Amino acid sequence: MTEDVEAERAYWDASAVGNGRGELFSVPGIDGWEAGIDACLAQIVPALTPALRKGGRILDLGCGPGRLTFPLAERFPDATIIGVDLSPKMIHTARNVAEEMGVPNTRFMIGNGRTLPRTLARLAGAFSVLTLQHLPAEAQEGYVRSIAAKLEPDGVVRLQFVMSEVDHFLSHGVRVTAVEGWCRDAGLAVTMVDFGNVDESWAWVTAGKP
């Protein structure tokens, strides 16, 4: 594990308090936990609905304590939502919440901060929100490749990136042309790029696996 990943894990472990609300899901320009959740789900659900309704396995990359995992799992009980996060404490919190809430169609796995777990099953879809922007560009590209490798044919991804020149610890912007290139190189076909939804610096990329 690199020093960068160790520092990232230490930061997120230290942030894992209570049920993970508040600062762990603060959406720019939106006041309140529930409003932020709803705004992000509105960007995820339309692209993933076919896979969700078919009862597919859907990856939540950077799930934290299950901020989006649980509302999605409750809305689509036939699907299985699999959360992966670098922080063991976040995953511990998410598993406890799943037991307390009685949400049986969730799974949580600890990741290494750069690639998906080898034991992760094939996926019908994947999404990531408020996560990739905290990783260096090469790590963001690595996750695009890793997700593509796990996707089933006709699988779909909906990924949020930050478009900026910022590049320092836990804040890494990228260019959308770079993201589109990563997708193509990974064997994904980009079907939509949305700018400014939820926050003006955000881009949402939808891509599918032929």
Foldseek 3Di string as FASTA:
>chain_A
DDPLLVVVQVVLQVQLDDLCDDPNQDFPPDDDLVRSLVLVCVQPCVLCVVCLQVQWEEEEEQCFLNSNPVVSCVVRVSHAYEYEHQYPSSQVSNVVVCVVVVRPRYHYDYDSQQADDPPDAAGQEYEYDLPLQQDEPNSSLSHLLRNLVRYDAFHKYKYKFFADPDDDHGGYHDHVVVVCVSQVVSQWAWDDWDAQRSHRRMIITMIGHD
